[in-house]
Amino acid sequence: MKEAVFVKRNTEKWHEYESTPAHDPDQLTERFIELTDDLSYARTFYPKSTVTRYLNGVAAQFHQKLYSNRQEDRNRIAAFWRYELPLLLFESRFKLLYSFLFFFGACILGWLSAAHDDTYVRLIMGDAYVNQTLENIKNGDPLAIYGGTGQADMFMQITVNNIKVSFVAFALGAFFSFGTIAVLFQNGVMLGSFQYFFFERDLLLTSVLKIWIHGTLEISAIVIAGAAGLVMGHSLLFPGTYSRLESFKQGAKKGMKIVIGLVPVFIAAGFLESFITRLTLHPVVSSVIIIASALFIVWYFVIYPRKIYRQTTLS
């Protein structure tokens, strides 16, 4: 193709790209690709032409815009973890408290129910699990169940399942919070009866030092996901000056952000359960992991949000 024909065919497009900036990242990327294709063609057939130098300059400008967009995206992600999520957690602090109280109350109920009914644990945990655990206790390894699956497979299964549970706890908040409360109640009763099962056999400390290596993050995240569901449910129950639909949209958006913020916690919990819980650790090492996990949860989800809120209100 002659250079004049090439320029005539594409001039209008190039001028449009320069005069009408693209704000959408996908459109910007598409234009950059087209420009680099034209530049590549010009370099091949008109290496010393002014049109090649022109296209090189325009492509460089688009490359700079793309780089700036990527920087903004990274800054936005960092801002989410440093400011947006903590402020949202502070705003939702009472929902978090209610979620914890619902869950803790269910734990106590599960513990007391198991203490007064020998068949209760089997009803909640299932015969297969109880029989397997009893067999493991008989063999001198009461928590051998945590070492029975391949580490990588176990990590994927546990992490995906925990994320699914958190999203269910959140999504059921759409039923005016009652669905979320039901999930918290179910998980709390299971935990309470499960821990009593080991307490009854003088294995409570053994189970705590094993299970709570990953359970500290996992259970905390479920409670926080419950708070996200209560945020959405509250928006339906108490829309305030907004229409119920608009209030629901805002509540769902806030709750979803909280749940998304929990994904790294569930990944960490899945890693601990798959690769660390199965190990025979010294009680001090187990205690350090459990305490460190608990301190992180309290700091990032309770203390840090209050600190960020105070900074924003004083600035």
Protein backbone atom coordinates (compact mmCIF):
# COMPACT_ATOMS: atom_id res chain seq x y z
CA MET A 1 0.00 0.00 0.00
CA LYS A 2 1.31 3.42 -0.90
CA GLU A 3 2.04 5.76 1.98
CA ALA A 4 -0.50 8.35 0.78
CA VAL A 5 -3.25 5.73 0.68
CA PHE A 6 -2.27 4.44 4.14
CA VAL A 7 -2.39 7.97 5.60
CA LYS A 8 -5.67 8.86 3.89
CA ARG A 9 -7.32 5.65 5.09
CA ASN A 10 -6.37 6.17 8.74
CA THR A 11 -6.02 9.94 9.31
CA GLU A 12 -9.59 10.42 10.46
CA LYS A 13 -9.23 7.60 13.01
CA TRP A 14 -5.95 8.94 14.38
CA HIS A 15 -7.32 12.44 14.78
CA GLU A 16 -10.44 11.09 16.53
CA TYR A 17 -8.24 9.17 18.98
CA GLU A 18 -6.30 12.34 19.78
CA SER A 19 -9.24 14.74 19.96
CA THR A 20 -11.69 12.44 21.81
CA PRO A 21 -10.00 10.93 24.87
CA ALA A 22 -11.12 7.46 25.93
CA HIS A 23 -12.02 7.24 29.62
CA ASP A 24 -13.02 3.59 29.58
CA PRO A 25 -9.93 1.35 30.18
CA ASP A 26 -11.11 -1.26 27.66
CA GLN A 27 -11.62 1.33 24.94
CA LEU A 28 -8.24 2.88 25.73
CA THR A 29 -6.56 -0.52 25.42
CA GLU A 30 -8.35 -1.23 22.14
CA ARG A 31 -7.20 2.09 20.66
CA PHE A 32 -3.63 1.49 21.83
CA ILE A 33 -3.58 -1.91 20.11
CA GLU A 34 -4.84 -0.41 16.86
CA LEU A 35 -2.24 2.35 17.00
CA THR A 36 0.60 -0.09 17.63
CA ASP A 37 -0.61 -2.19 14.68
CA ASP A 38 -0.54 0.91 12.46
CA LEU A 39 2.87 1.86 13.87
CA SER A 40 4.23 -1.59 13.19
CA TYR A 41 2.99 -1.41 9.59
CA ALA A 42 4.48 2.06 9.12
CA ARG A 43 7.85 1.00 10.53
CA THR A 44 7.93 -1.92 8.13
CA PHE A 45 7.03 -0.06 4.94
CA TYR A 46 7.82 3.62 5.70
CA PRO A 47 10.60 3.49 8.30
CA LYS A 48 11.90 7.05 7.66
CA SER A 49 8.53 8.71 7.03
CA THR A 50 7.00 11.49 9.11
CA VAL A 51 3.86 9.36 9.58
CA THR A 52 5.98 6.77 11.41
CA ARG A 53 7.34 9.40 13.77
CA TYR A 54 3.82 10.76 14.27
CA LEU A 55 2.37 7.34 15.12
CA ASN A 56 5.27 6.63 17.44
CA GLY A 57 4.48 9.82 19.39
CA VAL A 58 0.74 9.12 19.59
CA ALA A 59 1.33 5.50 20.67
CA ALA A 60 3.71 6.72 23.37
CA GLN A 61 1.01 9.05 24.72
CA PHE A 62 -1.50 6.19 24.86
CA HIS A 63 1.05 3.96 26.58
CA GLN A 64 1.52 6.63 29.24
CA LYS A 65 -2.25 6.87 29.75
CA LEU A 66 -2.50 3.08 30.17
CA TYR A 67 0.35 3.10 32.69
CA SER A 68 -1.34 5.89 34.64
CA ASN A 69 -4.61 3.94 34.71
CA ARG A 70 -2.81 0.87 36.08
CA GLN A 71 -1.23 3.01 38.77
CA GLU A 72 -4.65 4.42 39.69
CA ASP A 73 -6.10 0.90 39.86
CA ARG A 74 -3.32 -0.20 42.21
CA ASN A 75 -3.81 2.91 44.34
CA ARG A 76 -7.55 2.25 44.45
CA ILE A 77 -6.99 -1.30 45.66
CA ALA A 78 -4.59 -0.10 48.36
CA ALA A 79 -7.08 2.58 49.41
CA PHE A 80 -9.78 -0.07 49.76
CA TRP A 81 -7.78 -2.03 52.34
CA ARG A 82 -6.33 1.01 54.12
CA TYR A 83 -9.37 3.28 54.30
CA GLU A 84 -12.60 2.22 52.60
CA LEU A 85 -13.05 -1.20 54.22
CA PRO A 86 -11.99 -0.06 57.74
CA LEU A 87 -14.39 2.90 57.60
CA LEU A 88 -17.17 0.59 56.46
CA LEU A 89 -16.34 -1.77 59.32
CA PHE A 90 -16.54 1.09 61.79
CA GLU A 91 -19.90 2.12 60.37
CA SER A 92 -21.06 -1.50 60.77
CA ARG A 93 -19.55 -2.03 64.24
CA PHE A 94 -22.88 -2.66 65.96
CA LYS A 95 -23.87 -5.21 63.30
CA LEU A 96 -20.56 -6.94 64.01
CA LEU A 97 -21.35 -6.97 67.72
CA TYR A 98 -24.84 -8.40 67.10
CA SER A 99 -23.39 -11.05 64.79
CA PHE A 100 -20.89 -12.08 67.45
CA LEU A 101 -23.59 -12.24 70.14
CA PHE A 102 -25.87 -14.38 67.94
CA PHE A 103 -22.99 -16.74 67.18
CA PHE A 104 -21.67 -16.90 70.75
CA GLY A 105 -25.16 -17.51 72.12
CA ALA A 106 -25.60 -20.38 69.66
CA CYS A 107 -22.25 -21.83 70.78
CA ILE A 108 -23.42 -21.86 74.40
CA LEU A 109 -26.70 -23.46 73.36
CA GLY A 110 -24.84 -26.14 71.40
CA TRP A 111 -22.55 -26.83 74.36
CA LEU A 112 -25.45 -27.12 76.83
CA SER A 113 -27.52 -29.25 74.46
CA ALA A 114 -24.64 -31.69 73.98
CA ALA A 115 -24.10 -31.80 77.75
CA HIS A 116 -27.72 -32.81 78.40
CA ASP A 117 -28.28 -35.13 75.42
CA ASP A 118 -25.78 -37.87 74.51
CA THR A 119 -27.20 -38.13 70.98
CA TYR A 120 -27.08 -34.41 70.23
CA VAL A 121 -23.54 -34.36 68.81
CA ARG A 122 -24.42 -37.17 66.42
CA LEU A 123 -27.52 -35.26 65.34
CA ILE A 124 -25.46 -32.14 64.60
CA MET A 125 -22.16 -33.58 63.34
CA GLY A 126 -23.39 -36.84 61.80
CA ASP A 127 -22.68 -40.46 62.75
CA ALA A 128 -19.84 -40.89 60.26
CA TYR A 129 -17.83 -37.98 61.67
CA VAL A 130 -18.43 -38.96 65.30
CA ASN A 131 -17.56 -42.61 64.69
CA GLN A 132 -14.38 -41.68 62.85
CA THR A 133 -13.33 -39.29 65.61
CA LEU A 134 -14.01 -41.90 68.30
CA GLU A 135 -11.86 -44.35 66.37
CA ASN A 136 -9.10 -41.74 66.11
CA ILE A 137 -9.30 -41.13 69.87
CA LYS A 138 -9.01 -44.86 70.46
CA ASN A 139 -5.90 -44.91 68.25
CA GLY A 140 -4.31 -42.07 70.21
CA ASP A 141 -4.74 -39.36 67.55
CA PRO A 142 -8.10 -37.67 68.20
CA LEU A 143 -7.69 -35.11 65.42
CA ALA A 144 -6.19 -37.37 62.75
CA ILE A 145 -9.01 -36.33 60.42
CA TYR A 146 -7.06 -33.17 59.55
CA GLY A 147 -4.28 -35.22 57.97
CA GLY A 148 -6.39 -37.52 55.86
CA THR A 149 -6.45 -35.54 52.60
CA GLY A 150 -3.80 -34.24 50.21
CA GLN A 151 -2.64 -30.78 51.23
CA ALA A 152 -3.22 -28.99 47.92
CA ASP A 153 -6.66 -30.57 47.38
CA MET A 154 -7.61 -29.87 50.97
CA PHE A 155 -6.52 -26.23 50.65
CA MET A 156 -8.70 -25.65 47.58
CA GLN A 157 -11.73 -27.46 49.01
CA ILE A 158 -11.58 -25.73 52.38
CA THR A 159 -10.96 -22.25 50.99
CA VAL A 160 -13.75 -22.50 48.40
CA ASN A 161 -16.16 -23.93 50.97
CA ASN A 162 -15.38 -21.22 53.52
CA ILE A 163 -15.82 -18.47 50.95
CA LYS A 164 -19.13 -20.08 49.92
CA VAL A 165 -20.32 -20.16 53.54
CA SER A 166 -19.46 -16.48 53.98
CA PHE A 167 -21.33 -15.50 50.81
CA VAL A 168 -24.35 -17.56 51.89
CA ALA A 169 -24.31 -15.89 55.33
CA PHE A 170 -24.24 -12.52 53.57
CA ALA A 171 -26.76 -13.28 50.82
CA LEU A 172 -29.39 -14.65 53.22
CA GLY A 173 -29.44 -11.23 54.85
CA ALA A 174 -31.78 -10.32 51.99
CA PHE A 175 -34.48 -12.14 53.99
CA PHE A 176 -34.65 -9.23 56.44
CA SER A 177 -31.57 -10.58 58.31
CA PHE A 178 -33.31 -13.79 59.41
CA GLY A 179 -31.40 -15.97 56.94
CA THR A 180 -28.09 -14.61 58.20
CA ILE A 181 -29.10 -15.22 61.81
CA ALA A 182 -30.01 -18.80 60.89
CA VAL A 183 -26.55 -19.41 59.38
CA LEU A 184 -24.84 -17.93 62.44
CA PHE A 185 -27.05 -20.04 64.71
CA GLN A 186 -26.32 -23.24 62.78
CA ASN A 187 -22.55 -22.74 62.78
CA GLY A 188 -22.52 -21.64 66.41
CA VAL A 189 -24.46 -24.69 67.59
CA MET A 190 -22.11 -26.96 65.61
CA LEU A 191 -19.04 -25.37 67.17
CA GLY A 192 -20.44 -25.51 70.71
CA SER A 193 -21.47 -29.15 70.50
CA PHE A 194 -18.22 -30.06 68.75
CA GLN A 195 -16.12 -28.53 71.52
CA TYR A 196 -18.20 -30.19 74.22
CA PHE A 197 -17.62 -33.54 72.51
CA PHE A 198 -13.89 -33.15 73.20
CA PHE A 199 -14.41 -31.60 76.64
CA GLU A 200 -16.41 -34.65 77.71
CA ARG A 201 -13.41 -36.83 76.85
CA ASP A 202 -10.83 -34.57 78.58
CA LEU A 203 -9.49 -33.46 75.21
CA LEU A 204 -10.69 -29.84 75.16
CA LEU A 205 -7.22 -28.28 75.37
CA THR A 206 -5.90 -30.72 72.76
CA SER A 207 -8.72 -29.81 70.39
CA VAL A 208 -8.33 -26.07 71.01
CA LEU A 209 -4.59 -26.11 70.30
CA LYS A 210 -5.24 -28.04 67.09
CA ILE A 211 -8.50 -26.75 65.68
CA TRP A 212 -8.13 -23.08 66.53
CA ILE A 213 -4.87 -22.81 64.58
CA HIS A 214 -7.12 -22.26 61.58
CA GLY A 215 -10.41 -21.82 63.40
CA THR A 216 -9.52 -18.43 64.83
CA LEU A 217 -9.49 -16.87 61.36
CA GLU A 218 -12.20 -19.10 59.94
CA ILE A 219 -14.78 -18.59 62.68
CA SER A 220 -14.01 -14.88 62.97
CA ALA A 221 -14.55 -14.47 59.24
CA ILE A 222 -17.92 -16.24 59.41
CA VAL A 223 -19.01 -13.87 62.19
CA ILE A 224 -17.87 -10.86 60.13
CA ALA A 225 -19.68 -12.24 57.07
CA GLY A 226 -22.74 -12.46 59.30
CA ALA A 227 -22.30 -8.76 60.07
CA ALA A 228 -22.29 -8.11 56.31
CA GLY A 229 -25.60 -9.95 56.02
CA LEU A 230 -27.05 -7.92 58.90
CA VAL A 231 -25.96 -4.72 57.14
CA MET A 232 -28.00 -5.73 54.10
CA GLY A 233 -30.94 -6.94 56.18
CA HIS A 234 -30.96 -3.75 58.23
CA SER A 235 -31.15 -1.71 55.03
CA LEU A 236 -34.42 -3.49 54.22
CA LEU A 237 -35.88 -3.27 57.69
CA PHE A 238 -34.93 0.37 58.30
CA PRO A 239 -34.66 2.25 54.98
CA GLY A 240 -34.76 5.66 56.66
CA THR A 241 -35.32 8.53 54.22
CA TYR A 242 -34.50 6.34 51.19
CA SER A 243 -36.92 4.16 49.30
CA ARG A 244 -36.69 0.54 50.43
CA LEU A 245 -35.18 -0.46 47.09
CA GLU A 246 -32.53 2.26 47.16
CA SER A 247 -31.69 1.48 50.78
CA PHE A 248 -31.38 -2.21 49.89
CA LYS A 249 -29.01 -1.42 47.02
CA GLN A 250 -26.76 0.58 49.33
CA GLY A 251 -26.85 -2.09 52.04
CA ALA A 252 -26.07 -4.86 49.57
CA LYS A 253 -23.13 -2.90 48.17
CA LYS A 254 -21.69 -2.27 51.64
CA GLY A 255 -22.19 -5.87 52.71
CA MET A 256 -20.57 -7.20 49.55
CA LYS A 257 -17.49 -5.05 50.15
CA ILE A 258 -17.14 -6.51 53.65
CA VAL A 259 -17.42 -10.08 52.32
CA ILE A 260 -14.87 -9.39 49.57
CA GLY A 261 -12.56 -8.05 52.25
CA LEU A 262 -12.75 -11.44 53.98
CA VAL A 263 -11.46 -13.48 51.04
CA PRO A 264 -7.76 -13.15 52.06
CA VAL A 265 -8.71 -14.21 55.61
CA PHE A 266 -10.37 -17.37 54.30
CA ILE A 267 -7.36 -18.09 52.09
CA ALA A 268 -5.07 -17.77 55.12
CA ALA A 269 -7.39 -19.99 57.19
CA GLY A 270 -7.46 -22.59 54.41
CA PHE A 271 -3.67 -22.56 54.21
CA LEU A 272 -3.32 -23.03 57.97
CA GLU A 273 -5.85 -25.87 58.05
CA SER A 274 -4.32 -27.67 55.08
CA PHE A 275 -0.61 -27.28 55.80
CA ILE A 276 -0.18 -26.38 59.50
CA THR A 277 -3.05 -27.87 61.52
CA ARG A 278 -2.08 -31.39 60.43
CA LEU A 279 1.40 -30.99 61.91
CA THR A 280 2.32 -32.02 65.44
CA LEU A 281 3.28 -28.68 66.92
CA HIS A 282 4.54 -27.75 70.34
CA PRO A 283 1.71 -26.19 72.40
CA VAL A 284 3.65 -22.93 72.56
CA VAL A 285 3.86 -22.75 68.75
CA SER A 286 0.14 -23.49 68.41
CA SER A 287 -0.66 -20.86 71.03
CA VAL A 288 1.46 -18.25 69.22
CA ILE A 289 -0.38 -18.88 65.92
CA ILE A 290 -3.79 -18.74 67.62
CA ILE A 291 -3.00 -15.57 69.58
CA ALA A 292 -1.43 -13.86 66.55
CA SER A 293 -4.51 -14.67 64.46
CA ALA A 294 -6.84 -13.36 67.17
CA LEU A 295 -4.81 -10.16 67.57
CA PHE A 296 -4.90 -9.56 63.82
CA ILE A 297 -8.69 -9.97 63.70
CA VAL A 298 -9.24 -7.65 66.66
CA TRP A 299 -6.76 -5.09 65.36
CA TYR A 300 -7.83 -4.89 61.72
CA PHE A 301 -11.58 -5.37 62.13
CA VAL A 302 -12.15 -3.51 65.41
CA ILE A 303 -9.28 -1.26 66.54
CA TYR A 304 -7.91 -0.02 63.19
CA PRO A 305 -11.35 1.03 61.84
CA ARG A 306 -11.89 3.20 64.93
CA LYS A 307 -8.44 4.72 64.47
CA ILE A 308 -9.06 5.51 60.79
CA TYR A 309 -12.48 6.98 61.63
CA ARG A 310 -10.95 9.33 64.20
CA GLN A 311 -8.26 10.40 61.75
CA THR A 312 -10.80 11.21 59.04
CA THR A 313 -13.05 13.16 61.37
CA LEU A 314 -10.18 15.20 62.81
CA SER A 315 -8.55 15.98 59.45
